[in-house]
Amino acid sequence: MANIITPVVPQELITFLHSYPQFLIVGHKEPDGDCIGSSIAMSLFLQRLGKETKLLSAGPFQRPEIKMYESLFSAQVPESLIKHPENIGVIIVDCSGIERTGDIAEQLAHFPSICIDHHATNTTNEAGSLVYADAPSTTFIIQTIIEKMS
């Protein structure tokens, strides 16, 4: 098996994760296992750091292997959070762009955001984003971030 080189975690990403008390974590519409797994892993890690998190997904949760996780996700940003975007960071996972989040994209536009992804088609240019096309999955990248920050 070939050795996989882990990505370099930018300092801007670490700073972003320390900068907000609360995070919205969102992946692509029509989620798959990597989208759901990377969302949940990032959420649990941030909670371990004392952060509040909210998982978002436009759905639908059609794949049988992820159906059981649907109840953990909300289809919209709660109205109470939209009123205070300065206290909330958005982490977009497993997405080649915010437009891939579906109907949630418009609600997320007012929040500062970063993207963590492994798709070569990703055109994200936010400071602190981590796009690493050589990674086998976004969950692998999240694991690298957790290991770097632990």
C-alpha atoms as a PDB file:
ATOM      1  CA  MET A   1       0.000   0.000   0.000  1.00  0.00           C
ATOM      2  CA  ALA A   2       1.326   3.446  -0.917  1.00  0.00           C
ATOM      3  CA  ASN A   3       2.158   5.911   1.807  1.00  0.00           C
ATOM      4  CA  ILE A   4      -0.308   8.761   2.017  1.00  0.00           C
ATOM      5  CA  ILE A   5       1.290  12.093   2.787  1.00  0.00           C
ATOM      6  CA  THR A   6      -0.756  14.012   5.323  1.00  0.00           C
ATOM      7  CA  PRO A   7      -1.643  17.621   4.532  1.00  0.00           C
ATOM      8  CA  VAL A   8      -0.038  20.565   6.266  1.00  0.00           C
ATOM      9  CA  VAL A   9      -2.600  22.196   8.545  1.00  0.00           C
ATOM     10  CA  PRO A  10      -2.408  25.974   8.010  1.00  0.00           C
ATOM     11  CA  GLN A  11      -2.024  28.163  11.098  1.00  0.00           C
ATOM     12  CA  GLU A  12      -4.969  30.233   9.805  1.00  0.00           C
ATOM     13  CA  LEU A  13      -7.220  27.168  10.156  1.00  0.00           C
ATOM     14  CA  ILE A  14      -6.109  26.599  13.749  1.00  0.00           C
ATOM     15  CA  THR A  15      -6.650  30.289  14.511  1.00  0.00           C
ATOM     16  CA  PHE A  16     -10.134  30.125  12.945  1.00  0.00           C
ATOM     17  CA  LEU A  17     -11.069  27.146  15.129  1.00  0.00           C
ATOM     18  CA  HIS A  18      -9.969  29.058  18.241  1.00  0.00           C
ATOM     19  CA  SER A  19     -11.676  32.304  17.198  1.00  0.00           C
ATOM     20  CA  TYR A  20     -15.357  31.455  17.669  1.00  0.00           C
ATOM     21  CA  PRO A  21     -17.372  30.035  20.553  1.00  0.00           C
ATOM     22  CA  GLN A  22     -19.837  28.411  18.165  1.00  0.00           C
ATOM     23  CA  PHE A  23     -19.640  26.679  14.781  1.00  0.00           C
ATOM     24  CA  LEU A  24     -22.028  25.625  12.083  1.00  0.00           C
ATOM     25  CA  ILE A  25     -20.732  22.550  10.273  1.00  0.00           C
ATOM     26  CA  VAL A  26     -22.214  21.838   6.868  1.00  0.00           C
ATOM     27  CA  GLY A  27     -21.505  19.434   4.022  1.00  0.00           C
ATOM     28  CA  HIS A  28     -22.853  18.902   0.539  1.00  0.00           C
ATOM     29  CA  LYS A  29     -26.470  18.204  -0.327  1.00  0.00           C
ATOM     30  CA  GLU A  30     -27.291  14.522  -0.858  1.00  0.00           C
ATOM     31  CA  PRO A  31     -24.669  13.561   1.751  1.00  0.00           C
ATOM     32  CA  ASP A  32     -22.595  10.392   1.708  1.00  0.00           C
ATOM     33  CA  GLY A  33     -20.585   8.651   4.411  1.00  0.00           C
ATOM     34  CA  ASP A  34     -17.552  10.926   4.133  1.00  0.00           C
ATOM     35  CA  CYS A  35     -19.696  14.042   4.354  1.00  0.00           C
ATOM     36  CA  ILE A  36     -21.534  12.796   7.431  1.00  0.00           C
ATOM     37  CA  GLY A  37     -18.444  11.242   9.058  1.00  0.00           C
ATOM     38  CA  SER A  38     -16.294  14.349   8.611  1.00  0.00           C
ATOM     39  CA  SER A  39     -19.110  16.597   9.907  1.00  0.00           C
ATOM     40  CA  ILE A  40     -19.633  14.514  13.036  1.00  0.00           C
ATOM     41  CA  ALA A  41     -15.881  14.107  13.684  1.00  0.00           C
ATOM     42  CA  MET A  42     -15.308  17.867  13.436  1.00  0.00           C
ATOM     43  CA  SER A  43     -18.298  18.570  15.673  1.00  0.00           C
ATOM     44  CA  LEU A  44     -17.144  16.166  18.391  1.00  0.00           C
ATOM     45  CA  PHE A  45     -13.609  17.552  18.279  1.00  0.00           C
ATOM     46  CA  LEU A  46     -14.802  21.145  18.610  1.00  0.00           C
ATOM     47  CA  GLN A  47     -17.061  20.173  21.496  1.00  0.00           C
ATOM     48  CA  ARG A  48     -14.023  18.656  23.187  1.00  0.00           C
ATOM     49  CA  LEU A  49     -12.413  22.114  22.836  1.00  0.00           C
ATOM     50  CA  GLY A  50     -15.419  23.637  24.621  1.00  0.00           C
ATOM     51  CA  LYS A  51     -17.138  24.952  21.490  1.00  0.00           C
ATOM     52  CA  GLU A  52     -20.833  24.735  20.660  1.00  0.00           C
ATOM     53  CA  THR A  53     -21.664  23.144  17.319  1.00  0.00           C
ATOM     54  CA  LYS A  54     -24.662  22.746  15.069  1.00  0.00           C
ATOM     55  CA  LEU A  55     -24.670  20.195  12.240  1.00  0.00           C
ATOM     56  CA  LEU A  56     -26.432  21.250   9.032  1.00  0.00           C
ATOM     57  CA  SER A  57     -27.411  19.363   5.904  1.00  0.00           C
ATOM     58  CA  ALA A  58     -29.853  20.134   3.132  1.00  0.00           C
ATOM     59  CA  GLY A  59     -30.286  16.363   2.707  1.00  0.00           C
ATOM     60  CA  PRO A  60     -31.915  14.256   1.549  1.00  0.00           C
ATOM     61  CA  PHE A  61     -30.474  11.355   3.536  1.00  0.00           C
ATOM     62  CA  GLN A  62     -31.190   8.677   0.950  1.00  0.00           C
ATOM     63  CA  ARG A  63     -28.240   6.354   1.484  1.00  0.00           C
ATOM     64  CA  PRO A  64     -29.102   3.570   3.944  1.00  0.00           C
ATOM     65  CA  GLU A  65     -25.689   3.714   5.652  1.00  0.00           C
ATOM     66  CA  ILE A  66     -26.248   7.325   6.795  1.00  0.00           C
ATOM     67  CA  LYS A  67     -30.004   7.356   7.395  1.00  0.00           C
ATOM     68  CA  MET A  68     -29.540   6.772  11.147  1.00  0.00           C
ATOM     69  CA  TYR A  69     -27.609  10.073  11.462  1.00  0.00           C
ATOM     70  CA  GLU A  70     -30.271  12.280   9.878  1.00  0.00           C
ATOM     71  CA  SER A  71     -31.712  13.340  13.253  1.00  0.00           C
ATOM     72  CA  LEU A  72     -28.344  14.906  14.214  1.00  0.00           C
ATOM     73  CA  PHE A  73     -28.614  17.445  11.388  1.00  0.00           C
ATOM     74  CA  SER A  74     -30.800  20.487  10.844  1.00  0.00           C
ATOM     75  CA  ALA A  75     -31.909  21.596   7.383  1.00  0.00           C
ATOM     76  CA  GLN A  76     -31.696  25.317   8.251  1.00  0.00           C
ATOM     77  CA  VAL A  77     -29.648  27.729  10.297  1.00  0.00           C
ATOM     78  CA  PRO A  78     -31.650  28.520  13.450  1.00  0.00           C
ATOM     79  CA  GLU A  79     -33.068  32.058  13.328  1.00  0.00           C
ATOM     80  CA  SER A  80     -31.459  32.900  16.691  1.00  0.00           C
ATOM     81  CA  LEU A  81     -28.002  32.281  15.197  1.00  0.00           C
ATOM     82  CA  ILE A  82     -28.565  34.382  12.087  1.00  0.00           C
ATOM     83  CA  LYS A  83     -28.919  37.443  14.338  1.00  0.00           C
ATOM     84  CA  HIS A  84     -25.359  37.104  15.722  1.00  0.00           C
ATOM     85  CA  PRO A  85     -23.040  36.024  12.885  1.00  0.00           C
ATOM     86  CA  GLU A  86     -20.016  37.649  14.545  1.00  0.00           C
ATOM     87  CA  ASN A  87     -19.922  34.877  17.184  1.00  0.00           C
ATOM     88  CA  ILE A  88     -20.209  31.980  14.758  1.00  0.00           C
ATOM     89  CA  GLY A  89     -17.818  30.382  12.310  1.00  0.00           C
ATOM     90  CA  VAL A  90     -18.879  28.091   9.480  1.00  0.00           C
ATOM     91  CA  ILE A  91     -16.930  24.991   8.514  1.00  0.00           C
ATOM     92  CA  ILE A  92     -17.832  23.594   5.110  1.00  0.00           C
ATOM     93  CA  VAL A  93     -16.714  19.972   4.795  1.00  0.00           C
ATOM     94  CA  ASP A  94     -16.447  17.609   1.839  1.00  0.00           C
ATOM     95  CA  CYS A  95     -17.724  20.284  -0.538  1.00  0.00           C
ATOM     96  CA  SER A  96     -16.200  21.737  -3.674  1.00  0.00           C
ATOM     97  CA  GLY A  97     -17.955  25.053  -2.947  1.00  0.00           C
ATOM     98  CA  ILE A  98     -20.616  26.650  -0.782  1.00  0.00           C
ATOM     99  CA  GLU A  99     -23.181  26.313  -3.584  1.00  0.00           C
ATOM    100  CA  ARG A 100     -22.969  22.512  -3.112  1.00  0.00           C
ATOM    101  CA  THR A 101     -24.555  22.865   0.338  1.00  0.00           C
ATOM    102  CA  GLY A 102     -27.943  23.323  -1.345  1.00  0.00           C
ATOM    103  CA  ASP A 103     -30.652  25.543   0.086  1.00  0.00           C
ATOM    104  CA  ILE A 104     -28.524  26.304   3.153  1.00  0.00           C
ATOM    105  CA  ALA A 105     -25.928  28.240   1.092  1.00  0.00           C
ATOM    106  CA  GLU A 106     -27.834  31.530   1.160  1.00  0.00           C
ATOM    107  CA  GLN A 107     -28.213  31.352   4.957  1.00  0.00           C
ATOM    108  CA  LEU A 108     -24.463  30.799   5.393  1.00  0.00           C
ATOM    109  CA  ALA A 109     -23.330  33.754   3.282  1.00  0.00           C
ATOM    110  CA  HIS A 110     -23.229  36.164   6.247  1.00  0.00           C
ATOM    111  CA  PHE A 111     -20.905  34.049   8.399  1.00  0.00           C
ATOM    112  CA  PRO A 112     -17.108  33.820   8.226  1.00  0.00           C
ATOM    113  CA  SER A 113     -16.182  30.426   6.815  1.00  0.00           C
ATOM    114  CA  ILE A 114     -13.458  27.981   5.929  1.00  0.00           C
ATOM    115  CA  CYS A 115     -13.574  24.860   3.802  1.00  0.00           C
ATOM    116  CA  ILE A 116     -12.044  21.446   4.470  1.00  0.00           C
ATOM    117  CA  ASP A 117     -12.174  19.178   1.439  1.00  0.00           C
ATOM    118  CA  HIS A 118     -10.421  16.557  -0.656  1.00  0.00           C
ATOM    119  CA  HIS A 119     -12.020  17.227  -4.056  1.00  0.00           C
ATOM    120  CA  ALA A 120      -9.708  18.408  -6.839  1.00  0.00           C
ATOM    121  CA  THR A 121     -12.570  20.538  -8.210  1.00  0.00           C
ATOM    122  CA  ASN A 122     -12.612  22.729  -5.099  1.00  0.00           C
ATOM    123  CA  THR A 123     -12.040  26.402  -5.908  1.00  0.00           C
ATOM    124  CA  THR A 124     -12.182  27.711  -2.329  1.00  0.00           C
ATOM    125  CA  ASN A 125      -9.835  30.560  -1.535  1.00  0.00           C
ATOM    126  CA  GLU A 126     -10.796  31.488   2.043  1.00  0.00           C
ATOM    127  CA  ALA A 127      -7.775  31.985   4.277  1.00  0.00           C
ATOM    128  CA  GLY A 128      -7.527  29.012   6.594  1.00  0.00           C
ATOM    129  CA  SER A 129      -9.236  26.572   4.276  1.00  0.00           C
ATOM    130  CA  LEU A 130      -7.607  23.209   3.741  1.00  0.00           C
ATOM    131  CA  VAL A 131      -8.164  21.537   0.400  1.00  0.00           C
ATOM    132  CA  TYR A 132      -5.975  18.499  -0.154  1.00  0.00           C
ATOM    133  CA  ALA A 133      -6.867  16.514  -3.261  1.00  0.00           C
ATOM    134  CA  ASP A 134      -4.385  13.726  -2.439  1.00  0.00           C
ATOM    135  CA  ALA A 135      -6.349  12.752   0.679  1.00  0.00           C
ATOM    136  CA  PRO A 136      -8.553   9.660   0.379  1.00  0.00           C
ATOM    137  CA  SER A 137     -11.392  11.445   2.209  1.00  0.00           C
ATOM    138  CA  THR A 138     -12.312  14.602   4.059  1.00  0.00           C
ATOM    139  CA  THR A 139     -12.555  12.534   7.236  1.00  0.00           C
ATOM    140  CA  PHE A 140      -8.832  11.771   6.823  1.00  0.00           C
ATOM    141  CA  ILE A 141      -8.108  15.515   6.701  1.00  0.00           C
ATOM    142  CA  ILE A 142     -10.220  16.097   9.827  1.00  0.00           C
ATOM    143  CA  GLN A 143      -8.219  13.367  11.584  1.00  0.00           C
ATOM    144  CA  THR A 144      -5.015  15.179  10.606  1.00  0.00           C
ATOM    145  CA  ILE A 145      -6.358  18.443  12.080  1.00  0.00           C
ATOM    146  CA  ILE A 146      -7.362  16.704  15.311  1.00  0.00           C
ATOM    147  CA  GLU A 147      -3.929  15.095  15.639  1.00  0.00           C
ATOM    148  CA  LYS A 148      -2.179  18.429  14.947  1.00  0.00           C
ATOM    149  CA  MET A 149      -4.244  20.274  17.567  1.00  0.00           C
ATOM    150  CA  SER A 150      -4.243  17.560  20.261  1.00  0.00           C
END
